[in-house]
Amino acid sequence: MIKQELGLKQQQKLSPLQIQTIKLIEKPIQELEQIVRKELEENPVLDDSPAESKDDDPDDAPREVSLSELNEDDPTPSYKLHVNNYGKDERPQYNTFSVKQSFTQSLMEQLGFRDLSDHERSVASFIIGSLDEDGYLRRDLESLVDDLAFRANISTDEDEVARMLRVIQEFDPPGVGARNLRECLLIQLRGMKHTPEVVNAERILSDYFDEFSNRHFQKVMSRLGLSEEEMKAAMARIVKLNPSPGGQVDDSYNDQAQQIIPDFVLNLEDGELRLTMPRFSIPEIRVNKKYAELLLEAASSSERQKKEAATFVKQKMDSAKWFVEALKQRHHTLQSTMQAILDYQHDYFLDGDESHLRPMVLKDIAEKTGFDISTISRVVNSKYIETHFGIFPLKYFFSEGLENQEGEEVSTRELKKVLQECVDAEDKRKPLTDDQLVTEMNRRGYKVARRTIAKYRDQLGIAKARLRKEL
C-alpha cells in the first residue's frame, strides 16, 4: 500500500547575485583581479576602456546600446551599469611580500650543474622529488630502489641511490637530504671550518646524540673530557644549526613567486587610525563599439534573429549587472568588517602591543556588523592588513579569552605572551615546571590551569622543563 501525503516545505534559495557575492567575498585582492580579467574576456558587455570625454570625436566613440532598445520591458538606467567605489588608478602599485623560489626548483637547478650521466640524473631527480617539506628523506634506500623500478621504470641499486643522495646532501641549503635530525646537523657541521667548537659539536652529535638530546650534559662532558666552557661553546654552535633546511624555501605554491597583497592598509595619522583599501581598477560596464554594431545589424535583420540577439544580450547584461553589484557588496562587506575589527581592537592598533589585544571571536564582529558569522569567516579568510607596525592576516586578531584575578577577560594571545616572558626569565639551570609556571602566572595575576599551560607551551613551541635545561 502506497501512502501519499501532501505538505508544504519551505526552502530558501540563493539568488545569482547572492551566490556571486559570497564567492567574491572570500577571494583576496590578487585573486579578485584575475576574476575581473576573466569576466572581461568572457562577457562582451563588460568593457574596461576609459570613458570618452565630451571633446572626443563622436564618430570614434563607442555607441551605447541600452537594453530598452531591444526590450522595452526592462529599461536599465546607465548609472546602474558602472561601479566607481574604487580608485582611478588603472594599474595600482601594491606592496608584495614573501617572494620565494620553489624548494624543488632550487635543488633541480643545482643538480643541473653536476657532471652526471642521464641515468644518474634521473635517480637524483627522483630522490629530490621524494624529499619532504622539511628537506628530509624519510624513505629507506631499499624502498627508493623499488619505487624507482616500479614507478619510474629506472633500474638501480642501493649503492647508486646512496651515492646520488650524497651528491644532493652537498646542495644548499646545508642539511638537505638528511634522513634524520642527527644527520642533518652533522652535514651542516662538516661543511664548516673545523674550529674547536665545531669539532666538539661534531663529536657530541656523532657519539652522544641521545644523551645530548635528553640534556644529560654532565654525562656528555665526562665521557668526552670537555670542560664546562668547551661544552657551552659546542652547544652554542649546535643551537645555531638549522633543523629544517627545507623550510628556508617555500614549496607550498605552484607558482615560482607568491605575492601577498594587503586587502587593507592602516595608517596612524595625528593619533587617528585611517583605514583604506588598496585601489583597484574596476571597469565601467558598457557595450563596446564592436558589439553595438553587431546588435544593430542583428536588429535590422529578421524578427527571429533580432529576438535571439536580444535574449543573448539580456543574459550577458544581467550577468554583468550581478557581477558589478557583487563587487560593490564585497567592497562594502570587507570595509564594514575591517572597521568593526578596528573599533573592537582600537587600543591594539594604535601601537601593536599584543597585551592590548582583547578576546574576540567571529560572533563579536558578526553582532557589530549585522552580517552572518559565515560571512565574517569568509572575509577573514586569506585577507591581510598592512599596518604601521607590520603585516598580519586578519585571523591573527581573533582569539578566545580567559579571566584574570580581577575578573577581567584577557585574550589567549596576552596569556601566551606572559607565559613566554616567564620562560624567558627563568633560570635555565633549573627551568620552571608546568606547575611552577602556573604559580608564576598566578603571581602575575592570571588564573590558568596546568593543562592550559601545557597547551599554550606546546603552541608556542616551548619544550618541557627537562629539555630546556642548560649549563
Protein backbone atom coordinates (compact mmCIF):
# COMPACT_ATOMS: atom_id res chain seq x y z
CA MET A 1 0.00 0.00 0.00
CA ILE A 2 1.40 3.35 -1.05
CA LYS A 3 0.62 6.24 1.25
CA GLN A 4 0.73 9.76 -0.15
CA GLU A 5 0.93 12.91 1.93
CA LEU A 6 0.61 16.47 0.77
CA GLY A 7 2.62 19.04 2.65
CA LEU A 8 4.41 22.35 2.29
CA LYS A 9 8.17 22.60 2.62
CA GLN A 10 9.88 25.95 2.93
CA GLN A 11 13.20 26.14 1.14
CA GLN A 12 15.37 29.21 0.77
CA LYS A 13 17.31 29.55 -2.45
CA LEU A 14 20.16 31.96 -3.05
CA SER A 15 19.87 34.35 -5.96
CA PRO A 16 22.63 34.51 -8.60
CA LEU A 17 23.72 37.82 -7.07
CA GLN A 18 24.00 36.32 -3.58
CA ILE A 19 25.96 33.34 -4.88
CA GLN A 20 28.36 35.58 -6.78
CA THR A 21 28.79 37.92 -3.80
CA ILE A 22 29.63 35.02 -1.49
CA LYS A 23 32.26 33.77 -3.95
CA LEU A 24 33.86 37.21 -4.32
CA ILE A 25 33.89 37.99 -0.59
CA GLU A 26 36.18 35.08 0.20
CA LYS A 27 38.70 35.96 -2.52
CA PRO A 28 41.82 38.01 -1.63
CA ILE A 29 42.52 41.01 -3.82
CA GLN A 30 45.04 39.34 -6.14
CA GLU A 31 42.54 36.59 -6.99
CA LEU A 32 39.80 39.19 -7.42
CA GLU A 33 41.82 40.90 -10.14
CA GLN A 34 42.17 37.61 -12.02
CA ILE A 35 38.42 37.03 -11.74
CA VAL A 36 37.67 40.50 -13.11
CA ARG A 37 40.04 39.99 -16.03
CA LYS A 38 38.46 36.62 -16.79
CA GLU A 39 34.98 38.14 -16.64
CA LEU A 40 36.09 40.85 -19.07
CA GLU A 41 37.26 38.22 -21.52
CA GLU A 42 34.12 36.11 -21.30
CA ASN A 43 31.40 38.79 -21.18
CA PRO A 44 31.35 41.10 -24.23
CA VAL A 45 29.13 43.57 -22.37
CA LEU A 46 31.95 44.41 -19.98
CA ASP A 47 34.49 46.93 -21.17
CA ASP A 48 37.39 48.33 -19.14
CA SER A 49 38.37 51.11 -21.54
CA PRO A 50 38.15 54.60 -20.01
CA ALA A 51 35.05 56.67 -20.76
CA GLU A 52 35.40 59.09 -23.67
CA SER A 53 35.39 62.81 -22.93
CA LYS A 54 32.89 65.20 -24.48
CA ASP A 55 35.61 66.73 -26.65
CA ASP A 56 36.33 63.46 -28.43
CA ASP A 57 35.13 62.85 -31.94
CA PRO A 58 31.63 61.35 -31.62
CA ASP A 59 32.25 59.21 -34.68
CA ASP A 60 35.12 57.42 -32.90
CA ALA A 61 33.35 56.92 -29.57
CA PRO A 62 31.69 53.60 -28.76
CA ARG A 63 28.00 53.72 -29.42
CA GLU A 64 25.95 52.96 -26.30
CA VAL A 65 23.13 50.50 -26.86
CA SER A 66 20.71 50.12 -23.96
CA LEU A 67 18.54 47.11 -23.41
CA SER A 68 15.50 49.33 -23.74
CA GLU A 69 16.17 49.45 -27.49
CA LEU A 70 15.83 45.69 -27.60
CA ASN A 71 13.46 45.00 -24.71
CA GLU A 72 11.08 47.73 -23.62
CA ASP A 73 10.07 45.74 -20.52
CA ASP A 74 13.48 46.08 -18.88
CA PRO A 75 14.94 49.57 -19.29
CA THR A 76 18.23 49.84 -17.38
CA PRO A 77 19.43 53.33 -16.33
CA SER A 78 23.04 53.85 -17.33
CA TYR A 79 24.08 54.91 -13.83
CA LYS A 80 23.41 51.35 -12.64
CA LEU A 81 25.84 49.90 -15.15
CA HIS A 82 29.11 51.04 -13.62
CA VAL A 83 30.88 50.99 -10.29
CA ASN A 84 33.23 53.70 -9.07
CA ASN A 85 33.76 52.91 -5.41
CA TYR A 86 37.45 52.16 -6.01
CA GLY A 87 40.28 54.41 -7.07
CA LYS A 88 41.02 55.53 -10.61
CA ASP A 89 44.50 54.03 -10.88
CA GLU A 90 44.41 51.64 -13.81
CA ARG A 91 47.30 49.53 -12.56
CA PRO A 92 47.85 50.29 -8.86
CA GLN A 93 51.20 49.69 -7.20
CA TYR A 94 50.94 47.13 -4.40
CA ASN A 95 53.34 46.14 -1.66
CA THR A 96 54.20 42.49 -2.16
CA PHE A 97 55.74 40.07 0.27
CA SER A 98 57.02 36.50 0.66
CA VAL A 99 58.56 36.08 -2.77
CA LYS A 100 60.39 32.75 -2.63
CA GLN A 101 61.80 30.22 -5.05
CA SER A 102 60.39 26.73 -5.08
CA PHE A 103 62.38 24.28 -2.91
CA THR A 104 62.30 21.58 -5.59
CA GLN A 105 63.21 24.07 -8.33
CA SER A 106 66.24 25.22 -6.35
CA LEU A 107 67.55 21.66 -5.92
CA MET A 108 66.90 20.73 -9.55
CA GLU A 109 68.75 23.84 -10.65
CA GLN A 110 71.79 22.82 -8.58
CA LEU A 111 71.55 19.30 -9.95
CA GLY A 112 71.87 20.73 -13.44
CA PHE A 113 75.39 21.95 -12.64
CA ARG A 114 76.65 18.48 -11.68
CA ASP A 115 78.53 16.28 -14.15
CA LEU A 116 76.27 13.23 -14.12
CA SER A 117 75.06 10.71 -16.65
CA ASP A 118 71.42 10.80 -17.76
CA HIS A 119 70.76 7.69 -15.67
CA GLU A 120 72.34 9.20 -12.54
CA ARG A 121 70.46 12.45 -13.09
CA SER A 122 67.17 10.53 -13.29
CA VAL A 123 67.91 8.75 -10.00
CA ALA A 124 68.90 12.02 -8.29
CA SER A 125 65.78 13.78 -9.63
CA PHE A 126 63.60 11.02 -8.18
CA ILE A 127 65.31 11.40 -4.79
CA ILE A 128 64.72 15.15 -4.84
CA GLY A 129 61.05 14.52 -5.57
CA SER A 130 60.91 12.19 -2.56
CA LEU A 131 62.10 14.79 -0.02
CA ASP A 132 59.51 16.09 2.44
CA GLU A 133 58.74 19.74 3.07
CA ASP A 134 61.49 19.98 5.72
CA GLY A 135 64.10 18.74 3.23
CA TYR A 136 64.41 15.25 4.77
CA LEU A 137 64.42 11.87 3.02
CA ARG A 138 62.06 9.78 5.13
CA ARG A 139 62.28 6.65 2.94
CA ASP A 140 64.93 3.95 3.31
CA LEU A 141 67.18 3.25 0.33
CA GLU A 142 65.68 -0.17 -0.37
CA SER A 143 62.20 1.34 -0.72
CA LEU A 144 63.58 4.00 -3.07
CA VAL A 145 65.14 1.33 -5.29
CA ASP A 146 61.74 -0.41 -5.53
CA ASP A 147 59.94 2.87 -6.22
CA LEU A 148 62.40 3.78 -8.96
CA ALA A 149 61.79 0.42 -10.62
CA PHE A 150 58.00 0.28 -10.37
CA ARG A 151 57.03 3.95 -10.60
CA ALA A 152 59.74 5.39 -12.86
CA ASN A 153 60.94 2.27 -14.72
CA ILE A 154 64.52 3.02 -13.62
CA SER A 155 66.73 0.09 -12.71
CA THR A 156 69.27 0.88 -9.97
CA ASP A 157 70.66 -0.41 -6.66
CA GLU A 158 71.16 0.88 -3.12
CA ASP A 159 74.80 1.84 -3.75
CA GLU A 160 73.88 4.16 -6.62
CA VAL A 161 70.97 5.68 -4.69
CA ALA A 162 73.27 6.28 -1.71
CA ARG A 163 75.87 7.89 -3.98
CA MET A 164 73.26 10.22 -5.56
CA LEU A 165 71.92 11.06 -2.09
CA ARG A 166 75.42 12.16 -1.04
CA VAL A 167 75.51 14.44 -4.08
CA ILE A 168 72.21 16.04 -3.04
CA GLN A 169 73.47 16.42 0.54
CA GLU A 170 76.14 18.78 -0.82
CA PHE A 171 73.45 21.18 -2.10
CA ASP A 172 72.13 24.33 -0.47
CA PRO A 173 70.55 24.77 1.96
CA PRO A 174 73.03 22.78 4.11
CA GLY A 175 71.46 19.71 5.68
CA VAL A 176 69.10 18.94 2.82
CA GLY A 177 68.69 15.25 2.01
CA ALA A 178 69.31 14.10 5.58
CA ARG A 179 67.42 11.05 6.83
CA ASN A 180 67.10 12.24 10.42
CA LEU A 181 67.87 15.25 12.62
CA ARG A 182 71.26 13.93 13.70
CA GLU A 183 72.44 13.50 10.11
CA CYS A 184 71.01 16.91 9.16
CA LEU A 185 73.01 18.69 11.86
CA LEU A 186 76.17 16.71 11.15
CA ILE A 187 76.02 17.56 7.42
CA GLN A 188 75.94 21.24 8.34
CA LEU A 189 78.85 20.93 10.78
CA ARG A 190 81.01 19.01 8.29
CA GLY A 191 80.71 21.88 5.84
CA MET A 192 82.10 24.38 8.35
CA LYS A 193 85.64 25.38 9.24
CA HIS A 194 86.94 22.90 11.82
CA THR A 195 87.31 25.19 14.82
CA PRO A 196 87.46 23.61 18.32
CA GLU A 197 83.76 24.25 19.00
CA VAL A 198 82.76 22.75 15.63
CA VAL A 199 84.93 19.65 16.22
CA ASN A 200 83.45 19.19 19.71
CA ALA A 201 79.92 19.72 18.41
CA GLU A 202 80.51 17.04 15.77
CA ARG A 203 81.82 14.61 18.43
CA ILE A 204 78.80 15.25 20.63
CA LEU A 205 76.28 14.63 17.85
CA SER A 206 78.17 11.66 16.41
CA ASP A 207 78.74 9.72 19.63
CA TYR A 208 76.29 11.05 22.24
CA PHE A 209 73.29 12.40 20.36
CA ASP A 210 70.69 10.73 22.62
CA GLU A 211 72.40 11.93 25.80
CA PHE A 212 72.67 15.44 24.41
CA SER A 213 69.01 15.45 23.28
CA ASN A 214 67.93 14.43 26.77
CA ARG A 215 70.02 17.21 28.34
CA HIS A 216 72.38 14.86 30.15
CA PHE A 217 75.17 17.40 29.77
CA GLN A 218 77.30 16.25 32.69
CA LYS A 219 77.44 12.72 31.27
CA VAL A 220 78.48 14.05 27.82
CA MET A 221 81.17 16.29 29.35
CA SER A 222 82.53 13.45 31.44
CA ARG A 223 82.74 10.93 28.59
CA LEU A 224 84.29 13.38 26.11
CA GLY A 225 86.52 15.06 28.69
CA LEU A 226 85.11 18.53 27.97
CA SER A 227 85.20 21.49 30.32
CA GLU A 228 82.04 23.47 31.01
CA GLU A 229 83.29 26.30 28.78
CA GLU A 230 84.04 23.90 25.91
CA MET A 231 80.59 22.32 26.30
CA LYS A 232 78.90 25.73 26.25
CA ALA A 233 80.82 26.73 23.09
CA ALA A 234 79.84 23.49 21.33
CA MET A 235 76.20 23.88 22.37
CA ALA A 236 76.15 27.47 21.12
CA ARG A 237 77.29 26.20 17.72
CA ILE A 238 74.71 23.38 17.66
CA VAL A 239 71.70 25.57 18.52
CA LYS A 240 72.54 27.84 15.57
CA LEU A 241 72.16 24.96 13.10
CA ASN A 242 69.00 24.68 11.02
CA PRO A 243 66.87 21.61 11.88
CA SER A 244 64.53 22.23 8.93
CA PRO A 245 66.56 23.13 5.80
CA GLY A 246 63.54 22.71 3.52
CA GLY A 247 61.73 25.41 5.48
CA GLN A 248 64.09 28.07 4.10
CA VAL A 249 62.49 27.80 0.67
CA ASP A 250 58.74 27.74 0.17
CA ASP A 251 57.23 24.96 -1.93
CA SER A 252 53.61 25.46 -0.91
CA TYR A 253 52.71 27.24 -4.15
CA ASN A 254 52.69 26.11 -7.73
CA ASP A 255 53.96 29.45 -8.96
CA GLN A 256 57.62 30.31 -8.65
CA ALA A 257 56.69 33.51 -6.82
CA GLN A 258 53.85 34.15 -4.42
CA GLN A 259 52.54 37.61 -3.73
CA ILE A 260 50.80 38.61 -0.53
CA ILE A 261 48.91 41.79 -1.29
CA PRO A 262 47.22 43.53 1.65
CA ASP A 263 43.47 43.95 1.21
CA PHE A 264 43.57 46.79 3.75
CA VAL A 265 46.08 49.49 4.68
CA LEU A 266 46.02 51.11 8.11
CA ASN A 267 47.89 54.34 8.86
CA LEU A 268 48.22 56.29 12.10
CA GLU A 269 47.90 59.99 11.31
CA ASP A 270 47.98 62.54 14.15
CA GLY A 271 46.89 59.89 16.61
CA GLU A 272 43.94 58.80 14.46
CA LEU A 273 43.60 55.46 12.69
CA ARG A 274 42.88 55.74 8.97
CA LEU A 275 41.75 52.64 7.08
CA THR A 276 41.90 52.35 3.30
CA MET A 277 41.53 49.54 0.81
CA PRO A 278 44.19 49.28 -1.93
CA ARG A 279 42.83 50.98 -5.03
CA PHE A 280 41.79 48.53 -7.68
CA SER A 281 40.75 49.01 -11.29
CA ILE A 282 37.07 48.06 -11.55
CA PRO A 283 35.74 48.55 -15.09
CA GLU A 284 32.68 50.50 -16.09
CA ILE A 285 30.01 48.37 -17.69
CA ARG A 286 29.25 49.50 -21.21
CA VAL A 287 28.51 47.92 -24.56
CA ASN A 288 31.59 48.39 -26.66
CA LYS A 289 31.51 49.78 -30.19
CA LYS A 290 32.13 46.48 -31.97
CA TYR A 291 29.41 44.77 -30.01
CA ALA A 292 26.99 47.67 -30.53
CA GLU A 293 27.39 47.40 -34.29
CA LEU A 294 26.71 43.66 -34.07
CA LEU A 295 23.49 44.34 -32.19
CA LEU A 296 22.31 46.92 -34.69
CA GLU A 297 22.92 44.52 -37.54
CA ALA A 298 21.01 41.82 -35.72
CA ALA A 299 18.12 44.21 -35.01
CA SER A 300 17.85 45.15 -38.68
CA SER A 301 17.63 41.52 -39.81
CA SER A 302 14.79 39.05 -39.36
CA GLU A 303 12.48 39.11 -36.35
CA ARG A 304 13.80 35.76 -35.14
CA GLN A 305 17.44 36.87 -35.25
CA LYS A 306 16.51 40.10 -33.51
CA LYS A 307 14.82 38.18 -30.73
CA GLU A 308 17.74 35.78 -30.33
CA ALA A 309 20.20 38.68 -30.20
CA ALA A 310 18.08 40.48 -27.62
CA THR A 311 17.85 37.34 -25.46
CA PHE A 312 21.61 36.77 -25.62
CA VAL A 313 22.40 40.38 -24.77
CA LYS A 314 19.94 40.39 -21.89
CA GLN A 315 21.63 37.32 -20.41
CA LYS A 316 25.04 38.94 -20.69
CA MET A 317 23.77 42.25 -19.32
CA ASP A 318 22.14 40.53 -16.33
CA SER A 319 25.39 38.68 -15.69
CA ALA A 320 27.32 41.95 -15.89
CA LYS A 321 24.91 43.72 -13.52
CA TRP A 322 25.15 40.90 -10.99
CA PHE A 323 28.93 40.93 -11.24
CA VAL A 324 29.22 44.69 -10.67
CA GLU A 325 26.73 44.64 -7.81
CA ALA A 326 28.59 41.70 -6.24
CA LEU A 327 31.83 43.70 -6.41
CA LYS A 328 30.15 46.64 -4.70
CA GLN A 329 28.72 44.40 -1.98
CA ARG A 330 32.11 42.74 -1.50
CA HIS A 331 33.74 46.13 -1.01
CA HIS A 332 31.07 47.20 1.49
CA THR A 333 31.22 43.92 3.42
CA LEU A 334 35.03 43.89 3.68
CA GLN A 335 35.19 47.55 4.68
CA SER A 336 32.45 47.20 7.31
CA THR A 337 34.02 44.08 8.78
CA MET A 338 37.52 45.53 8.97
CA GLN A 339 36.19 48.76 10.51
CA ALA A 340 34.38 46.70 13.16
CA ILE A 341 37.63 44.86 13.95
CA LEU A 342 39.45 48.20 14.22
CA ASP A 343 36.81 49.56 16.59
CA TYR A 344 36.89 46.41 18.71
CA GLN A 345 40.70 46.32 18.92
CA HIS A 346 41.27 50.09 18.84
CA ASP A 347 43.92 50.23 21.57
CA TYR A 348 45.93 47.43 20.00
CA PHE A 349 46.00 49.04 16.56
CA LEU A 350 47.42 52.26 17.99
CA ASP A 351 50.75 50.69 18.92
CA GLY A 352 50.66 46.97 18.07
CA ASP A 353 51.18 45.93 21.70
CA GLU A 354 49.83 42.36 21.96
CA SER A 355 48.83 42.90 25.58
CA HIS A 356 46.17 45.30 24.29
CA LEU A 357 44.51 42.63 22.14
CA ARG A 358 41.04 41.92 23.51
CA PRO A 359 39.47 38.46 23.29
CA MET A 360 37.50 38.45 20.04
CA VAL A 361 35.63 35.74 18.16
CA LEU A 362 33.73 35.77 14.87
CA LYS A 363 30.42 36.20 16.71
CA ASP A 364 31.59 39.51 18.21
CA ILE A 365 32.19 41.05 14.78
CA ALA A 366 29.02 39.47 13.35
CA GLU A 367 26.99 41.23 16.05
CA LYS A 368 28.67 44.59 15.40
CA THR A 369 28.17 44.43 11.62
CA GLY A 370 24.88 42.56 11.37
CA PHE A 371 26.46 40.02 9.00
CA ASP A 372 26.26 36.25 9.46
CA ILE A 373 29.15 34.52 11.19
CA SER A 374 29.76 32.61 7.94
CA THR A 375 30.16 35.94 6.12
CA ILE A 376 32.68 37.19 8.70
CA SER A 377 34.57 33.91 8.34
CA ARG A 378 34.78 34.39 4.57
CA VAL A 379 36.04 37.96 4.97
CA VAL A 380 38.70 36.92 7.48
CA ASN A 381 39.94 34.02 5.36
CA SER A 382 43.06 34.76 3.27
CA LYS A 383 42.91 38.53 3.86
CA TYR A 384 45.78 40.69 5.09
CA ILE A 385 46.15 44.17 6.52
CA GLU A 386 49.25 46.33 6.31
CA THR A 387 49.69 48.40 9.48
CA HIS A 388 52.30 50.84 10.72
CA PHE A 389 53.79 48.01 12.82
CA GLY A 390 53.66 45.10 10.38
CA ILE A 391 51.55 42.97 8.05
CA PHE A 392 49.08 40.50 9.53
CA PRO A 393 46.42 38.04 8.39
CA LEU A 394 43.01 39.05 9.76
CA LYS A 395 42.83 35.72 11.59
CA TYR A 396 45.64 36.98 13.83
CA PHE A 397 43.31 39.35 15.69
CA PHE A 398 40.84 36.66 16.78
CA SER A 399 41.35 34.70 19.98
CA GLU A 400 39.41 33.23 22.87
CA GLY A 401 39.60 34.74 26.33
CA LEU A 402 40.07 33.85 29.99
CA GLU A 403 39.55 35.87 33.16
CA ASN A 404 42.37 37.30 35.22
CA GLN A 405 42.25 37.58 39.01
CA GLU A 406 40.36 40.87 38.79
CA GLY A 407 37.62 39.15 36.79
CA GLU A 408 38.58 40.96 33.58
CA GLU A 409 38.64 38.99 30.35
CA VAL A 410 42.05 38.77 28.71
CA SER A 411 42.94 37.26 25.34
CA THR A 412 44.78 33.98 24.95
CA ARG A 413 47.39 35.90 22.99
CA GLU A 414 48.12 38.04 26.05
CA LEU A 415 48.37 34.90 28.19
CA LYS A 416 50.82 33.33 25.74
CA LYS A 417 52.92 36.49 25.74
CA VAL A 418 53.14 36.46 29.56
CA LEU A 419 53.91 32.73 29.54
CA GLN A 420 56.76 33.33 27.08
CA GLU A 421 58.08 36.09 29.34
CA CYS A 422 58.03 33.70 32.32
CA VAL A 423 60.04 31.11 30.41
CA ASP A 424 62.48 33.72 29.06
CA ALA A 425 63.14 34.98 32.60
CA GLU A 426 63.62 31.56 34.23
CA ASP A 427 66.94 30.18 35.47
CA LYS A 428 67.94 27.86 32.64
CA ARG A 429 69.90 25.69 35.06
CA LYS A 430 66.58 25.00 36.85
CA PRO A 431 63.78 25.59 34.31
CA LEU A 432 60.24 26.06 35.63
CA THR A 433 57.98 23.03 35.51
CA ASP A 434 54.38 23.42 34.33
CA ASP A 435 53.20 23.52 37.97
CA GLN A 436 55.74 26.24 38.73
CA LEU A 437 54.62 28.16 35.63
CA VAL A 438 51.04 28.03 36.95
CA THR A 439 52.27 29.57 40.20
CA GLU A 440 54.27 32.23 38.33
CA MET A 441 51.29 33.11 36.11
CA ASN A 442 49.05 33.37 39.17
CA ARG A 443 51.62 35.65 40.79
CA ARG A 444 51.35 37.90 37.74
CA GLY A 445 47.57 37.98 38.00
CA TYR A 446 46.49 35.29 35.52
CA LYS A 447 44.34 32.34 36.58
CA VAL A 448 45.33 29.36 34.44
CA ALA A 449 45.18 25.62 34.91
CA ARG A 450 48.16 23.31 34.45
CA ARG A 451 46.64 21.73 31.32
CA THR A 452 46.24 25.24 29.86
CA ILE A 453 49.92 25.96 30.50
CA ALA A 454 50.88 22.69 28.77
CA LYS A 455 48.62 23.50 25.81
CA TYR A 456 49.96 27.04 25.32
CA ARG A 457 53.54 25.89 25.84
CA ASP A 458 53.13 23.38 23.01
CA GLN A 459 51.55 26.01 20.76
CA LEU A 460 54.47 28.37 21.43
CA GLY A 461 57.00 25.63 20.68
CA ILE A 462 58.38 25.72 24.24
CA ALA A 463 59.86 22.40 25.33
CA LYS A 464 59.23 20.73 28.68
CA ALA A 465 61.34 21.90 31.63
CA ARG A 466 63.72 18.92 31.35
CA LEU A 467 64.50 19.76 27.72
CA ARG A 468 65.03 23.49 28.45
CA LYS A 469 67.83 22.82 30.89
CA GLU A 470 71.14 24.49 30.10
CA LEU A 471 74.58 24.62 31.71
